[in-house]
PDB file of N, CA and C in Angstrom:
ATOM      1  N   UNK A   1      -6.135 -41.286 -11.603  1.00  0.00           N
ATOM      2  CA  UNK A   1      -7.547 -40.668 -11.879  1.00  0.00           C
ATOM      3  C   UNK A   1      -7.825 -39.776 -10.704  1.00  0.00           C
ATOM      4  N   UNK A   2      -8.478 -38.536 -11.106  1.00  0.00           N
ATOM      5  CA  UNK A   2      -8.577 -37.630 -10.244  1.00  0.00           C
ATOM      6  C   UNK A   2     -10.258 -37.951  -9.734  1.00  0.00           C
ATOM      7  N   UNK A   3     -10.365 -37.887  -8.366  1.00  0.00           N
ATOM      8  CA  UNK A   3     -11.776 -37.904  -7.750  1.00  0.00           C
ATOM      9  C   UNK A   3     -12.597 -36.929  -8.344  1.00  0.00           C
ATOM     10  N   UNK A   4     -13.889 -37.264  -8.423  1.00  0.00           N
ATOM     11  CA  UNK A   4     -15.043 -36.370  -8.738  1.00  0.00           C
ATOM     12  C   UNK A   4     -15.024 -35.477  -7.610  1.00  0.00           C
ATOM     13  N   UNK A   5     -14.960 -34.001  -8.051  1.00  0.00           N
ATOM     14  CA  UNK A   5     -15.146 -33.078  -7.126  1.00  0.00           C
ATOM     15  C   UNK A   5     -16.462 -32.986  -6.563  1.00  0.00           C
ATOM     16  N   UNK A   6     -17.538 -33.533  -7.072  1.00  0.00           N
ATOM     17  CA  UNK A   6     -19.019 -33.434  -6.540  1.00  0.00           C
ATOM     18  C   UNK A   6     -19.472 -34.712  -6.128  1.00  0.00           C
ATOM     19  N   UNK A   7     -19.821 -34.752  -5.009  1.00  0.00           N
ATOM     20  CA  UNK A   7     -20.404 -36.188  -4.593  1.00  0.00           C
ATOM     21  C   UNK A   7     -21.760 -36.088  -4.009  1.00  0.00           C
ATOM     22  N   UNK A   8     -22.518 -37.096  -4.083  1.00  0.00           N
ATOM     23  CA  UNK A   8     -23.838 -37.158  -3.562  1.00  0.00           C
ATOM     24  C   UNK A   8     -23.744 -38.583  -2.756  1.00  0.00           C
ATOM     25  N   UNK A   9     -23.919 -38.441  -1.167  1.00  0.00           N
ATOM     26  CA  UNK A   9     -23.929 -39.607  -0.509  1.00  0.00           C
ATOM     27  C   UNK A   9     -25.318 -39.422   0.181  1.00  0.00           C
ATOM     28  N   UNK A  10     -26.104 -40.466   0.369  1.00  0.00           N
ATOM     29  CA  UNK A  10     -27.515 -40.428   0.875  1.00  0.00           C
ATOM     30  C   UNK A  10     -27.408 -39.938   2.293  1.00  0.00           C
ATOM     31  N   UNK A  11     -26.444 -40.399   3.134  1.00  0.00           N
ATOM     32  CA  UNK A  11     -26.413 -39.998   4.668  1.00  0.00           C
ATOM     33  C   UNK A  11     -25.713 -38.731   5.027  1.00  0.00           C
ATOM     34  N   UNK A  12     -25.067 -38.140   3.978  1.00  0.00           N
ATOM     35  CA  UNK A  12     -24.325 -36.874   4.138  1.00  0.00           C
ATOM     36  C   UNK A  12     -25.079 -35.568   3.538  1.00  0.00           C
ATOM     37  N   UNK A  13     -25.205 -34.579   4.321  1.00  0.00           N
ATOM     38  CA  UNK A  13     -25.787 -33.462   3.767  1.00  0.00           C
ATOM     39  C   UNK A  13     -27.219 -33.564   3.270  1.00  0.00           C
ATOM     40  N   UNK A  14     -27.858 -34.678   3.785  1.00  0.00           N
ATOM     41  CA  UNK A  14     -29.234 -34.800   3.415  1.00  0.00           C
ATOM     42  C   UNK A  14     -29.434 -35.419   1.877  1.00  0.00           C
ATOM     43  N   UNK A  15     -28.397 -35.939   1.424  1.00  0.00           N
ATOM     44  CA  UNK A  15     -28.269 -36.452   0.240  1.00  0.00           C
ATOM     45  C   UNK A  15     -28.163 -35.492  -0.991  1.00  0.00           C
ATOM     46  N   UNK A  16     -27.868 -34.416  -0.541  1.00  0.00           N
ATOM     47  CA  UNK A  16     -27.671 -33.194  -1.608  1.00  0.00           C
ATOM     48  C   UNK A  16     -26.106 -33.130  -2.037  1.00  0.00           C
ATOM     49  N   UNK A  17     -25.999 -32.594  -3.362  1.00  0.00           N
ATOM     50  CA  UNK A  17     -24.691 -32.684  -3.779  1.00  0.00           C
ATOM     51  C   UNK A  17     -23.871 -31.859  -2.844  1.00  0.00           C
ATOM     52  N   UNK A  18     -22.536 -32.258  -2.722  1.00  0.00           N
ATOM     53  CA  UNK A  18     -21.589 -31.572  -2.046  1.00  0.00           C
ATOM     54  C   UNK A  18     -20.198 -31.644  -2.532  1.00  0.00           C
ATOM     55  N   UNK A  19     -19.105 -30.770  -2.007  1.00  0.00           N
ATOM     56  CA  UNK A  19     -17.841 -30.918  -2.500  1.00  0.00           C
ATOM     57  C   UNK A  19     -17.119 -32.140  -1.899  1.00  0.00           C
ATOM     58  N   UNK A  20     -16.386 -32.804  -2.669  1.00  0.00           N
ATOM     59  CA  UNK A  20     -15.723 -34.148  -2.263  1.00  0.00           C
ATOM     60  C   UNK A  20     -15.177 -34.078  -0.850  1.00  0.00           C
ATOM     61  N   UNK A  21     -15.342 -35.122  -0.083  1.00  0.00           N
ATOM     62  CA  UNK A  21     -14.675 -35.388   1.084  1.00  0.00           C
ATOM     63  C   UNK A  21     -15.049 -34.174   2.183  1.00  0.00           C
ATOM     64  N   UNK A  22     -16.261 -33.379   1.949  1.00  0.00           N
ATOM     65  CA  UNK A  22     -16.486 -32.470   3.055  1.00  0.00           C
ATOM     66  C   UNK A  22     -17.950 -32.487   3.254  1.00  0.00           C
ATOM     67  N   UNK A  23     -18.519 -31.656   4.153  1.00  0.00           N
ATOM     68  CA  UNK A  23     -20.000 -31.522   4.329  1.00  0.00           C
ATOM     69  C   UNK A  23     -20.382 -30.113   3.758  1.00  0.00           C
ATOM     70  N   UNK A  24     -19.720 -29.778   2.883  1.00  0.00           N
ATOM     71  CA  UNK A  24     -20.270 -28.387   2.267  1.00  0.00           C
ATOM     72  C   UNK A  24     -21.035 -28.730   1.075  1.00  0.00           C
ATOM     73  N   UNK A  25     -22.480 -28.377   1.350  1.00  0.00           N
ATOM     74  CA  UNK A  25     -23.286 -28.581   0.197  1.00  0.00           C
ATOM     75  C   UNK A  25     -23.050 -27.603  -0.918  1.00  0.00           C
ATOM     76  N   UNK A  26     -23.294 -28.057  -2.182  1.00  0.00           N
ATOM     77  CA  UNK A  26     -23.011 -27.058  -3.367  1.00  0.00           C
ATOM     78  C   UNK A  26     -23.800 -25.931  -3.159  1.00  0.00           C
ATOM     79  N   UNK A  27     -25.213 -26.267  -2.774  1.00  0.00           N
ATOM     80  CA  UNK A  27     -26.155 -25.045  -2.722  1.00  0.00           C
ATOM     81  C   UNK A  27     -25.530 -23.955  -2.012  1.00  0.00           C
ATOM     82  N   UNK A  28     -24.894 -24.134  -0.734  1.00  0.00           N
ATOM     83  CA  UNK A  28     -24.307 -23.106  -0.008  1.00  0.00           C
ATOM     84  C   UNK A  28     -23.402 -22.314  -0.699  1.00  0.00           C
ATOM     85  N   UNK A  29     -22.366 -23.029  -1.476  1.00  0.00           N
ATOM     86  CA  UNK A  29     -21.423 -22.206  -2.364  1.00  0.00           C
ATOM     87  C   UNK A  29     -22.249 -21.331  -3.263  1.00  0.00           C
ATOM     88  N   UNK A  30     -23.096 -21.978  -3.979  1.00  0.00           N
ATOM     89  CA  UNK A  30     -24.083 -21.358  -5.139  1.00  0.00           C
ATOM     90  C   UNK A  30     -24.795 -19.941  -4.412  1.00  0.00           C
ATOM     91  N   UNK A  31     -25.233 -20.148  -3.293  1.00  0.00           N
ATOM     92  CA  UNK A  31     -26.004 -18.967  -2.656  1.00  0.00           C
ATOM     93  C   UNK A  31     -25.065 -17.786  -2.235  1.00  0.00           C
ATOM     94  N   UNK A  32     -23.858 -18.190  -1.771  1.00  0.00           N
ATOM     95  CA  UNK A  32     -22.908 -17.181  -1.400  1.00  0.00           C
ATOM     96  C   UNK A  32     -22.423 -16.433  -2.780  1.00  0.00           C
ATOM     97  N   UNK A  33     -22.213 -17.159  -3.755  1.00  0.00           N
ATOM     98  CA  UNK A  33     -21.892 -16.615  -5.030  1.00  0.00           C
ATOM     99  C   UNK A  33     -23.047 -15.698  -5.490  1.00  0.00           C
ATOM    100  N   UNK A  34     -24.294 -16.041  -5.425  1.00  0.00           N
ATOM    101  CA  UNK A  34     -25.364 -15.213  -5.885  1.00  0.00           C
ATOM    102  C   UNK A  34     -25.548 -14.105  -5.026  1.00  0.00           C
ATOM    103  N   UNK A  35     -24.887 -14.124  -3.895  1.00  0.00           N
ATOM    104  CA  UNK A  35     -24.879 -12.835  -2.906  1.00  0.00           C
ATOM    105  C   UNK A  35     -23.663 -11.939  -3.185  1.00  0.00           C
ATOM    106  N   UNK A  36     -22.978 -12.349  -4.185  1.00  0.00           N
ATOM    107  CA  UNK A  36     -21.815 -11.506  -4.668  1.00  0.00           C
ATOM    108  C   UNK A  36     -20.397 -11.887  -4.200  1.00  0.00           C
ATOM    109  N   UNK A  37     -20.292 -13.070  -3.519  1.00  0.00           N
ATOM    110  CA  UNK A  37     -19.031 -13.483  -2.981  1.00  0.00           C
ATOM    111  C   UNK A  37     -18.203 -14.019  -4.162  1.00  0.00           C
ATOM    112  N   UNK A  38     -17.029 -13.421  -4.244  1.00  0.00           N
ATOM    113  CA  UNK A  38     -16.107 -14.001  -5.501  1.00  0.00           C
ATOM    114  C   UNK A  38     -15.508 -15.361  -4.801  1.00  0.00           C
ATOM    115  N   UNK A  39     -14.876 -16.027  -6.007  1.00  0.00           N
ATOM    116  CA  UNK A  39     -14.314 -17.249  -5.700  1.00  0.00           C
ATOM    117  C   UNK A  39     -13.336 -17.082  -4.787  1.00  0.00           C
ATOM    118  N   UNK A  40     -12.288 -15.955  -4.822  1.00  0.00           N
ATOM    119  CA  UNK A  40     -11.103 -15.649  -3.794  1.00  0.00           C
ATOM    120  C   UNK A  40     -11.734 -15.802  -2.414  1.00  0.00           C
ATOM    121  N   UNK A  41     -12.928 -15.059  -2.239  1.00  0.00           N
ATOM    122  CA  UNK A  41     -13.399 -15.119  -0.735  1.00  0.00           C
ATOM    123  C   UNK A  41     -13.880 -16.471  -0.294  1.00  0.00           C
ATOM    124  N   UNK A  42     -14.463 -17.231  -1.277  1.00  0.00           N
ATOM    125  CA  UNK A  42     -14.877 -18.552  -1.027  1.00  0.00           C
ATOM    126  C   UNK A  42     -13.870 -19.539  -0.593  1.00  0.00           C
ATOM    127  N   UNK A  43     -12.648 -19.170  -1.357  1.00  0.00           N
ATOM    128  CA  UNK A  43     -11.389 -20.143  -1.062  1.00  0.00           C
ATOM    129  C   UNK A  43     -10.800 -19.756   0.450  1.00  0.00           C
ATOM    130  N   UNK A  44     -10.995 -18.511   0.699  1.00  0.00           N
ATOM    131  CA  UNK A  44     -10.469 -18.094   1.985  1.00  0.00           C
ATOM    132  C   UNK A  44     -11.340 -18.624   3.144  1.00  0.00           C
ATOM    133  N   UNK A  45     -12.840 -18.585   3.049  1.00  0.00           N
ATOM    134  CA  UNK A  45     -13.624 -18.881   3.938  1.00  0.00           C
ATOM    135  C   UNK A  45     -13.704 -20.602   4.161  1.00  0.00           C
ATOM    136  N   UNK A  46     -13.332 -21.093   2.995  1.00  0.00           N
ATOM    137  CA  UNK A  46     -13.373 -22.493   3.004  1.00  0.00           C
ATOM    138  C   UNK A  46     -12.034 -23.129   2.653  1.00  0.00           C
ATOM    139  N   UNK A  47     -10.921 -23.074   3.379  1.00  0.00           N
ATOM    140  CA  UNK A  47      -9.536 -23.194   2.971  1.00  0.00           C
ATOM    141  C   UNK A  47      -9.427 -24.724   2.393  1.00  0.00           C
ATOM    142  N   UNK A  48     -10.238 -25.604   2.638  1.00  0.00           N
ATOM    143  CA  UNK A  48      -9.955 -27.150   2.232  1.00  0.00           C
ATOM    144  C   UNK A  48     -10.496 -27.046   0.565  1.00  0.00           C
ATOM    145  N   UNK A  49     -10.994 -26.198   0.112  1.00  0.00           N
ATOM    146  CA  UNK A  49     -11.622 -26.057  -1.276  1.00  0.00           C
ATOM    147  C   UNK A  49     -10.271 -25.601  -2.195  1.00  0.00           C
ATOM    148  N   UNK A  50     -10.479 -25.955  -3.489  1.00  0.00           N
ATOM    149  CA  UNK A  50      -9.470 -25.660  -4.464  1.00  0.00           C
ATOM    150  C   UNK A  50     -10.385 -24.772  -5.368  1.00  0.00           C
ATOM    151  N   UNK A  51      -9.614 -24.055  -6.471  1.00  0.00           N
ATOM    152  CA  UNK A  51     -10.114 -23.485  -7.455  1.00  0.00           C
ATOM    153  C   UNK A  51     -10.903 -24.578  -8.370  1.00  0.00           C
ATOM    154  N   UNK A  52     -10.325 -25.684  -8.529  1.00  0.00           N
ATOM    155  CA  UNK A  52     -11.051 -26.664  -9.346  1.00  0.00           C
ATOM    156  C   UNK A  52     -12.351 -27.073  -8.761  1.00  0.00           C
ATOM    157  N   UNK A  53     -12.291 -27.164  -7.296  1.00  0.00           N
ATOM    158  CA  UNK A  53     -13.621 -27.522  -6.772  1.00  0.00           C
ATOM    159  C   UNK A  53     -14.650 -26.481  -7.055  1.00  0.00           C
ATOM    160  N   UNK A  54     -14.361 -25.280  -6.973  1.00  0.00           N
ATOM    161  CA  UNK A  54     -15.312 -24.199  -7.271  1.00  0.00           C
ATOM    162  C   UNK A  54     -15.702 -24.312  -8.880  1.00  0.00           C
ATOM    163  N   UNK A  55     -14.839 -24.656  -9.769  1.00  0.00           N
ATOM    164  CA  UNK A  55     -15.017 -24.589 -11.095  1.00  0.00           C
ATOM    165  C   UNK A  55     -16.031 -25.770 -11.396  1.00  0.00           C
ATOM    166  N   UNK A  56     -15.750 -26.946 -10.753  1.00  0.00           N
ATOM    167  CA  UNK A  56     -16.512 -28.078 -10.834  1.00  0.00           C
ATOM    168  C   UNK A  56     -18.039 -27.659 -10.215  1.00  0.00           C
ATOM    169  N   UNK A  57     -18.047 -27.023  -8.982  1.00  0.00           N
ATOM    170  CA  UNK A  57     -19.405 -26.633  -8.410  1.00  0.00           C
ATOM    171  C   UNK A  57     -20.091 -25.720  -9.409  1.00  0.00           C
ATOM    172  N   UNK A  58     -19.539 -24.767 -10.121  1.00  0.00           N
ATOM    173  CA  UNK A  58     -20.379 -23.918 -11.074  1.00  0.00           C
ATOM    174  C   UNK A  58     -20.893 -24.680 -12.171  1.00  0.00           C
ATOM    175  N   UNK A  59     -19.987 -25.677 -12.749  1.00  0.00           N
ATOM    176  CA  UNK A  59     -20.343 -26.319 -13.883  1.00  0.00           C
ATOM    177  C   UNK A  59     -21.693 -27.231 -13.450  1.00  0.00           C
ATOM    178  N   UNK A  60     -21.511 -27.939 -12.202  1.00  0.00           N
ATOM    179  CA  UNK A  60     -22.660 -28.632 -11.786  1.00  0.00           C
ATOM    180  C   UNK A  60     -24.086 -27.860 -11.561  1.00  0.00           C
ATOM    181  N   UNK A  61     -23.928 -26.692 -11.108  1.00  0.00           N
ATOM    182  CA  UNK A  61     -24.923 -25.976 -10.982  1.00  0.00           C
ATOM    183  C   UNK A  61     -25.526 -25.524 -12.223  1.00  0.00           C
ATOM    184  N   UNK A  62     -24.770 -25.220 -13.193  1.00  0.00           N
ATOM    185  CA  UNK A  62     -25.281 -24.841 -14.581  1.00  0.00           C
ATOM    186  C   UNK A  62     -26.018 -26.195 -15.252  1.00  0.00           C
ATOM    187  N   UNK A  63     -25.639 -27.413 -14.834  1.00  0.00           N
ATOM    188  CA  UNK A  63     -26.340 -28.467 -15.335  1.00  0.00           C
ATOM    189  C   UNK A  63     -27.562 -28.937 -14.513  1.00  0.00           C
ATOM    190  N   UNK A  64     -27.731 -28.356 -13.170  1.00  0.00           N
ATOM    191  CA  UNK A  64     -28.720 -28.628 -12.410  1.00  0.00           C
ATOM    192  C   UNK A  64     -29.490 -27.547 -11.718  1.00  0.00           C
ATOM    193  N   UNK A  65     -29.737 -26.485 -12.428  1.00  0.00           N
ATOM    194  CA  UNK A  65     -30.188 -25.197 -11.870  1.00  0.00           C
ATOM    195  C   UNK A  65     -31.434 -25.412 -11.168  1.00  0.00           C
ATOM    196  N   UNK A  66     -32.408 -26.095 -11.470  1.00  0.00           N
ATOM    197  CA  UNK A  66     -33.653 -26.196 -10.902  1.00  0.00           C
ATOM    198  C   UNK A  66     -33.287 -26.902  -9.472  1.00  0.00           C
ATOM    199  N   UNK A  67     -32.591 -27.754  -9.567  1.00  0.00           N
ATOM    200  CA  UNK A  67     -32.473 -28.690  -8.309  1.00  0.00           C
ATOM    201  C   UNK A  67     -31.714 -27.956  -7.270  1.00  0.00           C
ATOM    202  N   UNK A  68     -30.614 -27.287  -7.721  1.00  0.00           N
ATOM    203  CA  UNK A  68     -29.757 -26.446  -6.560  1.00  0.00           C
ATOM    204  C   UNK A  68     -30.704 -25.193  -6.265  1.00  0.00           C
ATOM    205  N   UNK A  69     -31.217 -24.396  -7.337  1.00  0.00           N
ATOM    206  CA  UNK A  69     -32.281 -23.387  -6.732  1.00  0.00           C
ATOM    207  C   UNK A  69     -33.333 -23.926  -5.905  1.00  0.00           C
ATOM    208  N   UNK A  70     -33.929 -24.940  -6.043  1.00  0.00           N
ATOM    209  CA  UNK A  70     -34.879 -25.400  -5.049  1.00  0.00           C
ATOM    210  C   UNK A  70     -34.356 -25.705  -3.731  1.00  0.00           C
ATOM    211  N   UNK A  71     -33.150 -26.295  -3.556  1.00  0.00           N
ATOM    212  CA  UNK A  71     -32.392 -26.450  -2.116  1.00  0.00           C
ATOM    213  C   UNK A  71     -32.030 -25.131  -1.652  1.00  0.00           C
ATOM    214  N   UNK A  72     -31.763 -24.021  -2.316  1.00  0.00           N
ATOM    215  CA  UNK A  72     -31.511 -22.670  -1.793  1.00  0.00           C
ATOM    216  C   UNK A  72     -32.768 -22.241  -1.214  1.00  0.00           C
ATOM    217  N   UNK A  73     -33.892 -22.387  -1.933  1.00  0.00           N
ATOM    218  CA  UNK A  73     -35.243 -21.804  -1.632  1.00  0.00           C
ATOM    219  C   UNK A  73     -35.676 -22.609  -0.338  1.00  0.00           C
ATOM    220  N   UNK A  74     -35.437 -23.928  -0.277  1.00  0.00           N
ATOM    221  CA  UNK A  74     -35.937 -24.511   0.986  1.00  0.00           C
ATOM    222  C   UNK A  74     -35.143 -24.257   2.269  1.00  0.00           C
ATOM    223  N   UNK A  75     -33.856 -23.814   2.099  1.00  0.00           N
ATOM    224  CA  UNK A  75     -33.066 -23.204   3.216  1.00  0.00           C
ATOM    225  C   UNK A  75     -33.585 -22.036   3.470  1.00  0.00           C
ATOM    226  N   UNK A  76     -34.069 -21.172   2.596  1.00  0.00           N
ATOM    227  CA  UNK A  76     -34.466 -19.903   3.132  1.00  0.00           C
ATOM    228  C   UNK A  76     -35.874 -19.909   3.929  1.00  0.00           C
ATOM    229  N   UNK A  77     -36.523 -20.982   3.491  1.00  0.00           N
ATOM    230  CA  UNK A  77     -37.811 -21.328   4.508  1.00  0.00           C
ATOM    231  C   UNK A  77     -37.539 -21.609   5.787  1.00  0.00           C
ATOM    232  N   UNK A  78     -36.353 -22.078   6.146  1.00  0.00           N
ATOM    233  CA  UNK A  78     -36.140 -22.874   7.599  1.00  0.00           C
ATOM    234  C   UNK A  78     -35.829 -21.680   8.659  1.00  0.00           C
TER     235      UNK A  78
END
């Protein structure tokens, strides 16, 4: 059985959704994508990720738009 590519762990990444076994918050990938970064660029910049990880991230985002957009907005305030 494959491991879920999206994980939420209370003490990692502030409890925000992240890519499995990494400290890459999902909102970070979504923010880069919103700025025009294609998947190929993200895979080069984050070599530990797979195309399947990104597909799972985009699906999770579609299901949790408000939550992820709020996390992106909070980061913009910092």
